Amino acid sequence: MRKLKLQVQITINGFIAGTNGEMDMFTWNWGEDIVQYVESLTEDVDTIVLGRKLAEGFIPYWKDVAQNDENPEQSSGKLFTDLQKVVFSKTIKTSIWDNTTVASDLINDILSLKNENGKDIIAYGGANFVSNLIQENLIDELHLFVNPTAIDAGLPIFLNKTNLQLKHSLAFECGIVVLCYEIKS
């Protein structure tokens, strides 16, 4: 069975965005150490699952990066553009993006993807999409990129008690610490 991995930036007090979705509190000037971690995380992935709101910016952004020979992230852009993507939405029925399908039944569609042959799956998304994946116990590995900042209010991804088992942790030069967890049953 394929694993579903989550990669998400988070504040030290558990928010993935401000109350209005702002993300300016996160560290974006990643060094080579964190870039290598992300590359190794996505190395064994052939599918991305996204919530619709994030997909609307994520997919066009990485397509532009992939087409820009001068962008230092071009290889990541090509990877994210070429990988199969599944966008979960209750409002759109068909995809307007290349290599992308639309799904609406979170539990059954994720379980179906996990049972297909192939490499692992990685999830990117906003608070609602990610918290639903966590609540339904669909994520196999959480890669929480904990930023050295706290905000007074925001959008959490843990809405209920969630017991986690630490697999590993790693500190990066930019101040981010990645915590890799499995959800304990």
C-alpha atoms as a PDB file:
ATOM      1  CA  MET A   1       0.000   0.000   0.000  1.00  0.00           C
ATOM      2  CA  ARG A   2       1.222   3.486  -0.868  1.00  0.00           C
ATOM      3  CA  LYS A   3       1.829   5.967   1.952  1.00  0.00           C
ATOM      4  CA  LEU A   4       0.214   9.379   2.143  1.00  0.00           C
ATOM      5  CA  LYS A   5       2.726  11.943   3.391  1.00  0.00           C
ATOM      6  CA  LEU A   6       1.859  15.462   4.519  1.00  0.00           C
ATOM      7  CA  GLN A   7       4.308  18.347   4.114  1.00  0.00           C
ATOM      8  CA  VAL A   8       3.191  21.559   5.781  1.00  0.00           C
ATOM      9  CA  GLN A   9       4.704  24.643   7.387  1.00  0.00           C
ATOM     10  CA  ILE A  10       3.391  25.386  10.855  1.00  0.00           C
ATOM     11  CA  THR A  11       4.011  27.902  13.622  1.00  0.00           C
ATOM     12  CA  ILE A  12       5.452  26.735  16.898  1.00  0.00           C
ATOM     13  CA  ASN A  13       1.975  27.067  18.426  1.00  0.00           C
ATOM     14  CA  GLY A  14       0.209  25.008  15.761  1.00  0.00           C
ATOM     15  CA  PHE A  15      -1.153  27.307  13.044  1.00  0.00           C
ATOM     16  CA  ILE A  16      -0.588  26.836   9.291  1.00  0.00           C
ATOM     17  CA  ALA A  17      -1.884  30.306   8.412  1.00  0.00           C
ATOM     18  CA  GLY A  18      -3.195  33.439  10.040  1.00  0.00           C
ATOM     19  CA  THR A  19      -6.923  33.902  10.576  1.00  0.00           C
ATOM     20  CA  ASN A  20      -7.302  35.336   7.049  1.00  0.00           C
ATOM     21  CA  GLY A  21      -5.063  32.745   5.398  1.00  0.00           C
ATOM     22  CA  GLU A  22      -1.931  34.888   5.526  1.00  0.00           C
ATOM     23  CA  MET A  23       1.379  33.037   5.532  1.00  0.00           C
ATOM     24  CA  ASP A  24       3.870  35.885   5.902  1.00  0.00           C
ATOM     25  CA  MET A  25       5.043  34.538   9.259  1.00  0.00           C
ATOM     26  CA  PHE A  26       6.848  31.609   7.649  1.00  0.00           C
ATOM     27  CA  THR A  27      10.516  31.329   6.706  1.00  0.00           C
ATOM     28  CA  TRP A  28      10.805  31.158   2.923  1.00  0.00           C
ATOM     29  CA  ASN A  29      14.545  31.648   2.436  1.00  0.00           C
ATOM     30  CA  TRP A  30      15.362  27.978   2.780  1.00  0.00           C
ATOM     31  CA  GLY A  31      18.963  26.838   2.689  1.00  0.00           C
ATOM     32  CA  GLU A  32      20.360  23.892   0.803  1.00  0.00           C
ATOM     33  CA  ASP A  33      19.862  21.596   3.826  1.00  0.00           C
ATOM     34  CA  ILE A  34      16.089  22.024   3.879  1.00  0.00           C
ATOM     35  CA  VAL A  35      15.859  21.909   0.070  1.00  0.00           C
ATOM     36  CA  GLN A  36      17.628  18.534   0.141  1.00  0.00           C
ATOM     37  CA  TYR A  37      15.171  17.263   2.771  1.00  0.00           C
ATOM     38  CA  VAL A  38      12.196  18.269   0.620  1.00  0.00           C
ATOM     39  CA  GLU A  39      13.803  16.693  -2.456  1.00  0.00           C
ATOM     40  CA  SER A  40      14.315  13.415  -0.576  1.00  0.00           C
ATOM     41  CA  LEU A  41      10.733  13.596   0.729  1.00  0.00           C
ATOM     42  CA  THR A  42       9.317  13.940  -2.788  1.00  0.00           C
ATOM     43  CA  GLU A  43      11.769  11.499  -4.409  1.00  0.00           C
ATOM     44  CA  ASP A  44       9.475   8.509  -3.810  1.00  0.00           C
ATOM     45  CA  VAL A  45       6.253  10.338  -4.741  1.00  0.00           C
ATOM     46  CA  ASP A  46       4.273  10.098  -7.975  1.00  0.00           C
ATOM     47  CA  THR A  47       1.005  11.772  -6.929  1.00  0.00           C
ATOM     48  CA  ILE A  48       0.077  15.023  -5.195  1.00  0.00           C
ATOM     49  CA  VAL A  49      -3.267  15.535  -3.452  1.00  0.00           C
ATOM     50  CA  LEU A  50      -4.445  19.087  -2.852  1.00  0.00           C
ATOM     51  CA  GLY A  51      -7.426  20.997  -1.638  1.00  0.00           C
ATOM     52  CA  ARG A  52      -9.046  23.198  -4.285  1.00  0.00           C
ATOM     53  CA  LYS A  53      -8.159  26.519  -2.660  1.00  0.00           C
ATOM     54  CA  LEU A  54      -4.443  25.730  -2.571  1.00  0.00           C
ATOM     55  CA  ALA A  55      -4.534  24.133  -6.034  1.00  0.00           C
ATOM     56  CA  GLU A  56      -5.741  27.384  -7.603  1.00  0.00           C
ATOM     57  CA  GLY A  57      -2.435  29.044  -6.721  1.00  0.00           C
ATOM     58  CA  PHE A  58      -0.096  26.047  -6.394  1.00  0.00           C
ATOM     59  CA  ILE A  59      -0.564  24.515  -9.845  1.00  0.00           C
ATOM     60  CA  PRO A  60      -0.187  27.736 -11.918  1.00  0.00           C
ATOM     61  CA  TYR A  61       2.714  28.934  -9.728  1.00  0.00           C
ATOM     62  CA  TRP A  62       4.781  25.756 -10.225  1.00  0.00           C
ATOM     63  CA  LYS A  63       3.945  25.679 -13.941  1.00  0.00           C
ATOM     64  CA  ASP A  64       5.385  29.191 -14.295  1.00  0.00           C
ATOM     65  CA  VAL A  65       8.479  28.180 -12.290  1.00  0.00           C
ATOM     66  CA  ALA A  66       8.947  25.103 -14.523  1.00  0.00           C
ATOM     67  CA  GLN A  67       8.897  27.265 -17.651  1.00  0.00           C
ATOM     68  CA  ASN A  68      11.412  29.817 -16.337  1.00  0.00           C
ATOM     69  CA  ASP A  69      14.987  28.787 -17.185  1.00  0.00           C
ATOM     70  CA  GLU A  70      16.333  31.437 -14.808  1.00  0.00           C
ATOM     71  CA  ASN A  71      14.370  30.312 -11.750  1.00  0.00           C
ATOM     72  CA  PRO A  72      16.585  28.376  -9.300  1.00  0.00           C
ATOM     73  CA  GLU A  73      13.558  26.240  -8.363  1.00  0.00           C
ATOM     74  CA  GLN A  74      12.909  25.156 -11.962  1.00  0.00           C
ATOM     75  CA  SER A  75      13.587  21.457 -11.234  1.00  0.00           C
ATOM     76  CA  SER A  76      11.009  21.515  -8.414  1.00  0.00           C
ATOM     77  CA  GLY A  77       8.603  23.311 -10.724  1.00  0.00           C
ATOM     78  CA  LYS A  78       9.022  20.621 -13.366  1.00  0.00           C
ATOM     79  CA  LEU A  79       8.519  17.879 -10.762  1.00  0.00           C
ATOM     80  CA  PHE A  80       5.325  19.427  -9.373  1.00  0.00           C
ATOM     81  CA  THR A  81       4.029  20.162 -12.883  1.00  0.00           C
ATOM     82  CA  ASP A  82       4.722  16.670 -14.241  1.00  0.00           C
ATOM     83  CA  LEU A  83       3.406  14.681 -11.266  1.00  0.00           C
ATOM     84  CA  GLN A  84      -0.178  13.450 -11.308  1.00  0.00           C
ATOM     85  CA  LYS A  85      -2.338  15.693  -9.134  1.00  0.00           C
ATOM     86  CA  VAL A  86      -5.717  15.044  -7.543  1.00  0.00           C
ATOM     87  CA  VAL A  87      -7.612  18.137  -6.414  1.00  0.00           C
ATOM     88  CA  PHE A  88     -10.362  17.622  -3.847  1.00  0.00           C
ATOM     89  CA  SER A  89     -13.307  19.945  -4.309  1.00  0.00           C
ATOM     90  CA  LYS A  90     -17.007  20.189  -3.647  1.00  0.00           C
ATOM     91  CA  THR A  91     -17.414  23.072  -6.109  1.00  0.00           C
ATOM     92  CA  ILE A  92     -15.547  22.104  -9.285  1.00  0.00           C
ATOM     93  CA  LYS A  93     -16.195  18.889 -11.191  1.00  0.00           C
ATOM     94  CA  THR A  94     -13.550  18.894 -13.939  1.00  0.00           C
ATOM     95  CA  SER A  95      -9.941  19.990 -14.001  1.00  0.00           C
ATOM     96  CA  ILE A  96      -8.649  23.002 -15.889  1.00  0.00           C
ATOM     97  CA  TRP A  97      -5.031  21.953 -15.202  1.00  0.00           C
ATOM     98  CA  ASP A  98      -2.696  19.474 -16.916  1.00  0.00           C
ATOM     99  CA  ASN A  99      -2.023  16.126 -15.207  1.00  0.00           C
ATOM    100  CA  THR A 100      -4.837  16.835 -12.770  1.00  0.00           C
ATOM    101  CA  THR A 101      -8.105  15.150 -11.894  1.00  0.00           C
ATOM    102  CA  VAL A 102     -10.827  16.323  -9.533  1.00  0.00           C
ATOM    103  CA  ALA A 103     -12.201  14.174  -6.716  1.00  0.00           C
ATOM    104  CA  SER A 104     -14.872  14.840  -4.118  1.00  0.00           C
ATOM    105  CA  ASP A 105     -15.103  11.789  -1.832  1.00  0.00           C
ATOM    106  CA  LEU A 106     -12.140  12.374   0.467  1.00  0.00           C
ATOM    107  CA  ILE A 107     -12.124   9.061   2.333  1.00  0.00           C
ATOM    108  CA  ASN A 108     -12.917   6.678  -0.512  1.00  0.00           C
ATOM    109  CA  ASP A 109     -10.818   8.482  -3.111  1.00  0.00           C
ATOM    110  CA  ILE A 110      -7.759   8.680  -0.833  1.00  0.00           C
ATOM    111  CA  LEU A 111      -8.106   5.003   0.123  1.00  0.00           C
ATOM    112  CA  SER A 112      -8.453   4.114  -3.553  1.00  0.00           C
ATOM    113  CA  LEU A 113      -5.299   6.085  -4.412  1.00  0.00           C
ATOM    114  CA  LYS A 114      -3.403   4.411  -1.579  1.00  0.00           C
ATOM    115  CA  ASN A 115      -4.405   0.986  -2.905  1.00  0.00           C
ATOM    116  CA  GLU A 116      -3.227   1.692  -6.457  1.00  0.00           C
ATOM    117  CA  ASN A 117       0.180   0.565  -7.654  1.00  0.00           C
ATOM    118  CA  GLY A 118       2.805   3.256  -7.643  1.00  0.00           C
ATOM    119  CA  LYS A 119       4.989   5.401  -5.478  1.00  0.00           C
ATOM    120  CA  ASP A 120       3.895   7.324  -2.399  1.00  0.00           C
ATOM    121  CA  ILE A 121       1.470  10.258  -2.366  1.00  0.00           C
ATOM    122  CA  ILE A 122       2.115  13.697  -0.878  1.00  0.00           C
ATOM    123  CA  ALA A 123      -0.522  16.079   0.449  1.00  0.00           C
ATOM    124  CA  TYR A 124      -0.391  19.861   0.367  1.00  0.00           C
ATOM    125  CA  GLY A 125      -3.302  21.974   1.439  1.00  0.00           C
ATOM    126  CA  GLY A 126      -4.940  24.521   3.596  1.00  0.00           C
ATOM    127  CA  ALA A 127      -6.214  24.074   7.122  1.00  0.00           C
ATOM    128  CA  ASN A 128      -9.614  22.613   6.193  1.00  0.00           C
ATOM    129  CA  PHE A 129      -8.264  20.024   3.744  1.00  0.00           C
ATOM    130  CA  VAL A 130      -5.353  18.982   5.969  1.00  0.00           C
ATOM    131  CA  SER A 131      -7.433  18.820   9.156  1.00  0.00           C
ATOM    132  CA  ASN A 132      -9.954  16.594   7.369  1.00  0.00           C
ATOM    133  CA  LEU A 133      -7.152  14.243   6.268  1.00  0.00           C
ATOM    134  CA  ILE A 134      -5.907  14.093   9.872  1.00  0.00           C
ATOM    135  CA  GLN A 135      -9.386  13.617  11.385  1.00  0.00           C
ATOM    136  CA  GLU A 136     -10.102  10.741   9.004  1.00  0.00           C
ATOM    137  CA  ASN A 137      -6.730   9.131   9.856  1.00  0.00           C
ATOM    138  CA  LEU A 138      -5.678   9.087   6.191  1.00  0.00           C
ATOM    139  CA  ILE A 139      -2.130  10.416   6.617  1.00  0.00           C
ATOM    140  CA  ASP A 140       0.688   7.940   7.196  1.00  0.00           C
ATOM    141  CA  GLU A 141       3.509  10.464   7.805  1.00  0.00           C
ATOM    142  CA  LEU A 142       3.274  14.084   8.901  1.00  0.00           C
ATOM    143  CA  HIS A 143       6.277  16.229   8.020  1.00  0.00           C
ATOM    144  CA  LEU A 144       5.658  19.356  10.079  1.00  0.00           C
ATOM    145  CA  PHE A 145       8.047  22.184   9.200  1.00  0.00           C
ATOM    146  CA  VAL A 146       7.918  24.078  12.502  1.00  0.00           C
ATOM    147  CA  ASN A 147       8.884  27.710  11.984  1.00  0.00           C
ATOM    148  CA  PRO A 148      10.510  29.722  14.763  1.00  0.00           C
ATOM    149  CA  THR A 149       7.501  31.971  15.196  1.00  0.00           C
ATOM    150  CA  ALA A 150       4.213  32.102  17.088  1.00  0.00           C
ATOM    151  CA  ILE A 151       1.081  34.045  16.217  1.00  0.00           C
ATOM    152  CA  ASP A 152      -1.828  35.012  18.441  1.00  0.00           C
ATOM    153  CA  ALA A 153      -4.519  33.351  16.302  1.00  0.00           C
ATOM    154  CA  GLY A 154      -4.771  31.421  13.081  1.00  0.00           C
ATOM    155  CA  LEU A 155      -5.877  28.317  11.238  1.00  0.00           C
ATOM    156  CA  PRO A 156      -4.986  25.053  13.001  1.00  0.00           C
ATOM    157  CA  ILE A 157      -4.831  21.573  11.472  1.00  0.00           C
ATOM    158  CA  PHE A 158      -5.295  19.646  14.726  1.00  0.00           C
ATOM    159  CA  LEU A 159      -8.926  20.119  15.728  1.00  0.00           C
ATOM    160  CA  ASN A 160      -9.218  17.138  18.057  1.00  0.00           C
ATOM    161  CA  LYS A 161      -6.880  15.210  20.282  1.00  0.00           C
ATOM    162  CA  THR A 162      -4.366  13.487  18.011  1.00  0.00           C
ATOM    163  CA  ASN A 163      -1.712  11.151  19.395  1.00  0.00           C
ATOM    164  CA  LEU A 164       1.488  11.121  17.393  1.00  0.00           C
ATOM    165  CA  GLN A 165       4.605   8.944  17.355  1.00  0.00           C
ATOM    166  CA  LEU A 166       7.845  10.755  16.509  1.00  0.00           C
ATOM    167  CA  LYS A 167       9.809   9.084  13.696  1.00  0.00           C
ATOM    168  CA  HIS A 168      12.569  11.693  13.481  1.00  0.00           C
ATOM    169  CA  SER A 169      13.365  15.376  13.842  1.00  0.00           C
ATOM    170  CA  LEU A 170      15.904  17.590  12.150  1.00  0.00           C
ATOM    171  CA  ALA A 171      16.907  21.226  12.662  1.00  0.00           C
ATOM    172  CA  PHE A 172      17.825  23.384   9.675  1.00  0.00           C
ATOM    173  CA  GLU A 173      20.128  26.373   9.424  1.00  0.00           C
ATOM    174  CA  CYS A 174      17.230  28.768   8.683  1.00  0.00           C
ATOM    175  CA  GLY A 175      15.671  27.982  12.084  1.00  0.00           C
ATOM    176  CA  ILE A 176      12.982  25.584  10.919  1.00  0.00           C
ATOM    177  CA  VAL A 177      12.765  22.201  12.636  1.00  0.00           C
ATOM    178  CA  VAL A 178      11.051  19.359  10.798  1.00  0.00           C
ATOM    179  CA  LEU A 179       9.176  16.906  12.969  1.00  0.00           C
ATOM    180  CA  CYS A 180       8.169  13.681  11.240  1.00  0.00           C
ATOM    181  CA  TYR A 181       5.323  11.860  12.954  1.00  0.00           C
ATOM    182  CA  GLU A 182       3.026   8.907  12.448  1.00  0.00           C
ATOM    183  CA  ILE A 183      -0.478   9.021  13.905  1.00  0.00           C
ATOM    184  CA  LYS A 184      -0.791   6.572  16.785  1.00  0.00           C
ATOM    185  CA  SER A 185      -3.910   4.441  16.772  1.00  0.00           C
END
